[in-house]
Amino acid sequence: MNFTAVWAIYYSEMVRFFRTIAQSFISPVISTSLYFVVFGAAIGSRIDQVEGVSYGAFIVPGLIMLSVMTQALSNASFGIYFPKFIGTIYELLSAPVSFFEIVLGFVGAAATKALFIGVVILATASMFVDVPVTHPWAMILFLVLTCVSFSLFGFIIGVWAGNFEQLQLIPLLVVTPLVFLGGSFYSISMLPPIWQKITLFNPVVYLISGFRWSFFGTADVPVGLSLLAIFGFTALCMGIIWWIFKTGWRIRA
């Protein structure tokens, strides 16, 4: 393992993040506050509790997942796309660095940034409502796995994208709607029976459900199934990335 190469990639990506630390810190704080003003005050005043939890606290795991997924995707996809765009990716590919070390550097940095945003949102939400964490270790596990898996997914998007418009296509048109429809701000048990069954085809449901369980001890789907889903998604992304570097698809041409 070439730890020097991994650290060089990781450090370069983190330096770019800390150049805009103010925006990276202030943006999630403001957006989280707005969500609590809109959902917590306007809608929460009309909803007493959801599954025995106040609505203001109930939406916190969904807010964290929404931001963590989008941040992991955008940071990882831009991190690998920009070297492709300016041509420095060829210097990296010709260096004595394995594909695993390249992925570890880029994905590790993107996951760290997303994890930072998740912690900031949790701290901000705690100023508005009391957020109990019933299973803290499970909460950390789900948060880290989500950061890593969606950073891997973002890496794939960055390799696939041919321009900056495509870079934002999947996060905006696919992932964000899936998160909103995956029980971020409601329990799927509140839906009609037919829609409950349809919603189970949304893979994001399993991530949000498992993460919410770590806070309140309640889940829309079994926790074991949530863990199986996120491990499966991570393994799938790793397999695709291995194939990309083996074939050179969209990364050497």
Protein backbone atom coordinates (compact mmCIF):
# COMPACT_ATOMS: atom_id res chain seq x y z
CA MET A 1 0.00 0.00 0.00
CA ASN A 2 1.42 3.35 -1.10
CA PHE A 3 0.25 5.46 1.83
CA THR A 4 2.16 8.49 0.55
CA ALA A 5 0.15 8.50 -2.67
CA VAL A 6 -3.14 7.99 -0.82
CA TRP A 7 -2.32 10.83 1.57
CA ALA A 8 -1.29 13.13 -1.29
CA ILE A 9 -4.65 12.63 -3.07
CA TYR A 10 -6.60 12.88 0.18
CA TYR A 11 -4.74 15.99 1.32
CA SER A 12 -5.18 17.73 -2.04
CA GLU A 13 -8.94 17.13 -1.95
CA MET A 14 -9.27 18.27 1.66
CA VAL A 15 -7.31 21.46 0.97
CA ARG A 16 -9.83 22.33 -1.73
CA PHE A 17 -12.61 21.75 0.82
CA PHE A 18 -11.04 23.95 3.51
CA ARG A 19 -10.58 26.80 1.05
CA THR A 20 -14.35 27.19 1.17
CA ILE A 21 -14.86 26.08 4.77
CA ALA A 22 -17.09 29.07 5.53
CA GLN A 23 -19.52 28.20 2.76
CA SER A 24 -19.26 24.49 3.62
CA PHE A 25 -20.14 25.25 7.24
CA ILE A 26 -22.70 28.03 6.84
CA SER A 27 -24.70 26.45 4.01
CA PRO A 28 -25.87 23.34 5.90
CA VAL A 29 -26.59 25.41 9.01
CA ILE A 30 -28.84 27.78 7.07
CA SER A 31 -30.56 25.02 5.06
CA THR A 32 -31.19 22.96 8.21
CA SER A 33 -32.62 26.00 9.99
CA LEU A 34 -34.93 26.67 7.04
CA TYR A 35 -36.13 23.07 7.04
CA PHE A 36 -37.04 23.40 10.71
CA VAL A 37 -38.83 26.68 10.08
CA VAL A 38 -40.85 25.22 7.21
CA PHE A 39 -41.35 21.61 8.31
CA GLY A 40 -40.90 21.92 12.05
CA ALA A 41 -43.01 25.04 12.59
CA ALA A 42 -45.50 25.03 9.72
CA ILE A 43 -46.10 21.30 9.37
CA GLY A 44 -44.92 20.13 12.79
CA SER A 45 -47.51 22.31 14.50
CA ARG A 46 -50.22 20.24 12.75
CA ILE A 47 -48.61 16.87 13.48
CA ASP A 48 -48.31 15.88 17.12
CA GLN A 49 -46.11 12.80 16.89
CA VAL A 50 -44.92 10.24 14.36
CA GLU A 51 -44.35 6.75 15.78
CA GLY A 52 -44.15 8.20 19.28
CA VAL A 53 -41.56 10.84 18.32
CA SER A 54 -42.14 14.57 17.94
CA TYR A 55 -42.23 15.56 14.28
CA GLY A 56 -39.35 18.03 14.69
CA ALA A 57 -37.08 15.26 15.97
CA PHE A 58 -38.47 12.70 13.53
CA ILE A 59 -37.21 14.61 10.46
CA VAL A 60 -33.64 14.99 11.75
CA PRO A 61 -32.32 11.64 10.43
CA GLY A 62 -33.93 12.35 7.05
CA LEU A 63 -32.33 15.79 6.91
CA ILE A 64 -28.92 14.34 7.71
CA MET A 65 -29.28 11.59 5.10
CA LEU A 66 -30.45 14.07 2.45
CA SER A 67 -27.42 16.31 2.94
CA VAL A 68 -24.89 13.49 3.43
CA MET A 69 -25.93 11.66 0.27
CA THR A 70 -25.92 14.76 -1.94
CA GLN A 71 -22.65 16.06 -0.49
CA ALA A 72 -20.89 12.70 -0.85
CA LEU A 73 -22.09 12.42 -4.45
CA SER A 74 -21.12 15.95 -5.49
CA ASN A 75 -17.71 15.95 -3.77
CA ALA A 76 -16.65 12.56 -5.11
CA SER A 77 -17.94 13.15 -8.64
CA PHE A 78 -16.28 16.56 -8.94
CA GLY A 79 -13.10 15.25 -7.33
CA ILE A 80 -12.46 12.72 -10.11
CA TYR A 81 -14.12 14.65 -12.94
CA PHE A 82 -11.94 17.75 -12.60
CA PRO A 83 -8.64 15.85 -13.17
CA LYS A 84 -10.30 14.30 -16.24
CA PHE A 85 -11.40 17.73 -17.43
CA ILE A 86 -7.96 19.37 -17.16
CA GLY A 87 -6.01 16.25 -18.18
CA THR A 88 -4.05 15.60 -14.97
CA ILE A 89 -5.75 12.21 -14.62
CA TYR A 90 -3.18 10.79 -17.08
CA GLU A 91 -0.32 11.79 -14.81
CA LEU A 92 -2.07 9.97 -11.97
CA LEU A 93 -2.70 6.86 -14.08
CA SER A 94 0.93 6.73 -15.22
CA ALA A 95 2.26 7.05 -11.67
CA PRO A 96 3.10 3.93 -9.61
CA VAL A 97 -0.26 4.10 -7.87
CA SER A 98 -2.85 1.30 -7.92
CA PHE A 99 -6.51 1.92 -8.72
CA PHE A 100 -7.36 1.00 -5.11
CA GLU A 101 -5.07 3.73 -3.79
CA ILE A 102 -6.57 6.28 -6.20
CA VAL A 103 -10.10 5.39 -5.15
CA LEU A 104 -9.12 5.36 -1.47
CA GLY A 105 -7.74 8.90 -1.71
CA PHE A 106 -10.65 10.45 -3.61
CA VAL A 107 -13.45 8.52 -1.90
CA GLY A 108 -11.88 8.92 1.53
CA ALA A 109 -11.77 12.70 1.12
CA ALA A 110 -15.35 12.89 -0.20
CA ALA A 111 -16.63 10.68 2.64
CA THR A 112 -14.81 12.83 5.21
CA LYS A 113 -16.42 15.99 3.83
CA ALA A 114 -19.88 14.41 3.86
CA LEU A 115 -19.33 13.14 7.41
CA PHE A 116 -18.36 16.65 8.50
CA ILE A 117 -21.57 18.04 7.00
CA GLY A 118 -23.61 15.34 8.75
CA VAL A 119 -22.11 16.23 12.13
CA VAL A 120 -22.77 19.94 11.51
CA ILE A 121 -26.42 19.25 10.66
CA LEU A 122 -26.88 17.06 13.73
CA ALA A 123 -25.40 19.80 15.94
CA THR A 124 -27.63 22.42 14.30
CA ALA A 125 -30.75 20.27 14.69
CA SER A 126 -29.94 19.76 18.38
CA MET A 127 -30.38 23.51 18.90
CA PHE A 128 -34.00 23.26 17.72
CA VAL A 129 -35.19 19.95 19.17
CA ASP A 130 -34.07 17.28 21.58
CA VAL A 131 -32.64 14.47 19.44
CA PRO A 132 -32.15 11.21 21.36
CA VAL A 133 -29.69 8.67 19.98
CA THR A 134 -30.79 5.25 21.19
CA HIS A 135 -28.03 3.32 19.41
CA PRO A 136 -25.02 5.66 19.00
CA TRP A 137 -22.67 3.04 17.53
CA ALA A 138 -25.28 2.00 14.98
CA MET A 139 -25.81 5.67 14.13
CA ILE A 140 -22.09 6.12 13.46
CA LEU A 141 -21.98 2.90 11.42
CA PHE A 142 -24.92 3.90 9.21
CA LEU A 143 -23.55 7.42 8.77
CA VAL A 144 -20.05 6.26 7.80
CA LEU A 145 -21.36 3.54 5.46
CA THR A 146 -23.67 6.03 3.74
CA CYS A 147 -20.81 8.50 3.29
CA VAL A 148 -18.55 5.82 1.83
CA SER A 149 -21.13 4.14 -0.41
CA PHE A 150 -22.42 7.37 -1.94
CA SER A 151 -18.87 8.66 -2.36
CA LEU A 152 -18.16 5.50 -4.37
CA PHE A 153 -21.34 6.13 -6.36
CA GLY A 154 -20.24 9.74 -6.92
CA PHE A 155 -16.86 8.51 -8.15
CA ILE A 156 -18.66 6.42 -10.77
CA ILE A 157 -20.74 9.43 -11.82
CA GLY A 158 -17.61 11.55 -12.12
CA VAL A 159 -16.00 8.98 -14.42
CA TRP A 160 -19.19 8.62 -16.48
CA ALA A 161 -19.91 12.35 -16.86
CA GLY A 162 -18.82 13.96 -20.11
CA ASN A 163 -19.55 17.54 -19.04
CA PHE A 164 -20.54 19.59 -16.01
CA GLU A 165 -24.26 19.26 -16.85
CA GLN A 166 -24.09 15.46 -16.71
CA LEU A 167 -22.19 15.77 -13.43
CA GLN A 168 -25.34 17.18 -11.79
CA LEU A 169 -27.87 15.10 -13.72
CA ILE A 170 -28.12 12.00 -11.51
CA PRO A 171 -27.84 13.81 -8.13
CA LEU A 172 -30.58 16.28 -9.06
CA LEU A 173 -32.95 14.15 -11.11
CA VAL A 174 -32.51 10.74 -9.48
CA VAL A 175 -30.99 10.78 -6.00
CA THR A 176 -32.71 13.85 -4.53
CA PRO A 177 -36.23 12.71 -5.55
CA LEU A 178 -35.51 9.22 -4.20
CA VAL A 179 -34.46 10.72 -0.86
CA PHE A 180 -37.58 12.90 -0.63
CA LEU A 181 -39.78 9.92 -1.55
CA GLY A 182 -37.86 7.55 0.72
CA GLY A 183 -39.41 8.60 4.01
CA SER A 184 -37.11 11.50 4.86
CA PHE A 185 -39.93 13.62 6.27
CA TYR A 186 -42.60 11.01 6.93
CA SER A 187 -43.04 7.37 7.89
CA ILE A 188 -44.02 5.09 5.05
CA SER A 189 -46.62 3.58 7.42
CA MET A 190 -48.56 6.83 6.89
CA LEU A 191 -49.02 5.95 3.20
CA PRO A 192 -51.86 3.89 1.73
CA PRO A 193 -51.04 0.14 1.62
CA ILE A 194 -50.40 0.08 -2.13
CA TRP A 195 -47.94 2.97 -1.90
CA GLN A 196 -46.20 1.35 1.05
CA LYS A 197 -45.41 -1.63 -1.17
CA ILE A 198 -44.29 0.58 -4.07
CA THR A 199 -42.05 2.63 -1.78
CA LEU A 200 -40.15 -0.51 -0.75
CA PHE A 201 -38.66 -0.56 -4.26
CA ASN A 202 -36.89 2.70 -3.39
CA PRO A 203 -33.41 1.69 -2.12
CA VAL A 204 -33.05 4.91 -0.12
CA VAL A 205 -35.91 3.79 2.15
CA TYR A 206 -33.67 1.15 3.70
CA LEU A 207 -30.86 3.60 4.44
CA ILE A 208 -33.12 6.21 6.04
CA SER A 209 -35.09 3.59 7.97
CA GLY A 210 -31.96 2.04 9.46
CA PHE A 211 -30.48 5.43 10.30
CA ARG A 212 -33.73 6.55 11.96
CA TRP A 213 -33.77 3.32 13.98
CA SER A 214 -30.39 4.23 15.46
CA PHE A 215 -31.98 7.43 16.82
CA PHE A 216 -35.43 6.35 18.01
CA GLY A 217 -35.44 2.56 17.99
CA THR A 218 -38.22 2.39 15.39
CA ALA A 219 -37.88 1.51 11.71
CA ASP A 220 -40.07 1.11 8.64
CA VAL A 221 -38.13 -1.98 7.53
CA PRO A 222 -36.04 -4.51 9.51
CA VAL A 223 -32.63 -3.15 10.52
CA GLY A 224 -30.86 -6.24 9.20
CA LEU A 225 -32.38 -5.61 5.80
CA SER A 226 -31.16 -2.01 5.94
CA LEU A 227 -27.61 -3.15 6.66
CA LEU A 228 -27.80 -5.75 3.90
CA ALA A 229 -28.96 -3.08 1.45
CA ILE A 230 -26.17 -0.63 2.24
CA PHE A 231 -23.46 -3.33 2.22
CA GLY A 232 -24.82 -4.61 -1.08
CA PHE A 233 -24.85 -1.14 -2.59
CA THR A 234 -21.27 -0.54 -1.42
CA ALA A 235 -20.10 -3.86 -2.89
CA LEU A 236 -21.87 -3.10 -6.18
CA CYS A 237 -20.18 0.31 -6.47
CA MET A 238 -16.77 -1.18 -5.67
CA GLY A 239 -17.29 -3.85 -8.33
CA ILE A 240 -18.19 -1.23 -10.95
CA ILE A 241 -15.13 0.87 -10.08
CA TRP A 242 -12.90 -2.21 -10.33
CA TRP A 243 -14.34 -2.86 -13.80
CA ILE A 244 -13.80 0.78 -14.82
CA PHE A 245 -10.09 0.66 -14.00
CA LYS A 246 -9.68 -2.81 -15.51
CA THR A 247 -11.20 -1.78 -18.85
CA GLY A 248 -10.24 1.92 -18.79
CA TRP A 249 -13.85 2.87 -19.58
CA ARG A 250 -14.10 6.66 -19.90
CA ILE A 251 -10.97 7.15 -17.85
CA ARG A 252 -8.17 6.48 -20.34
CA ALA A 253 -9.82 7.82 -23.48
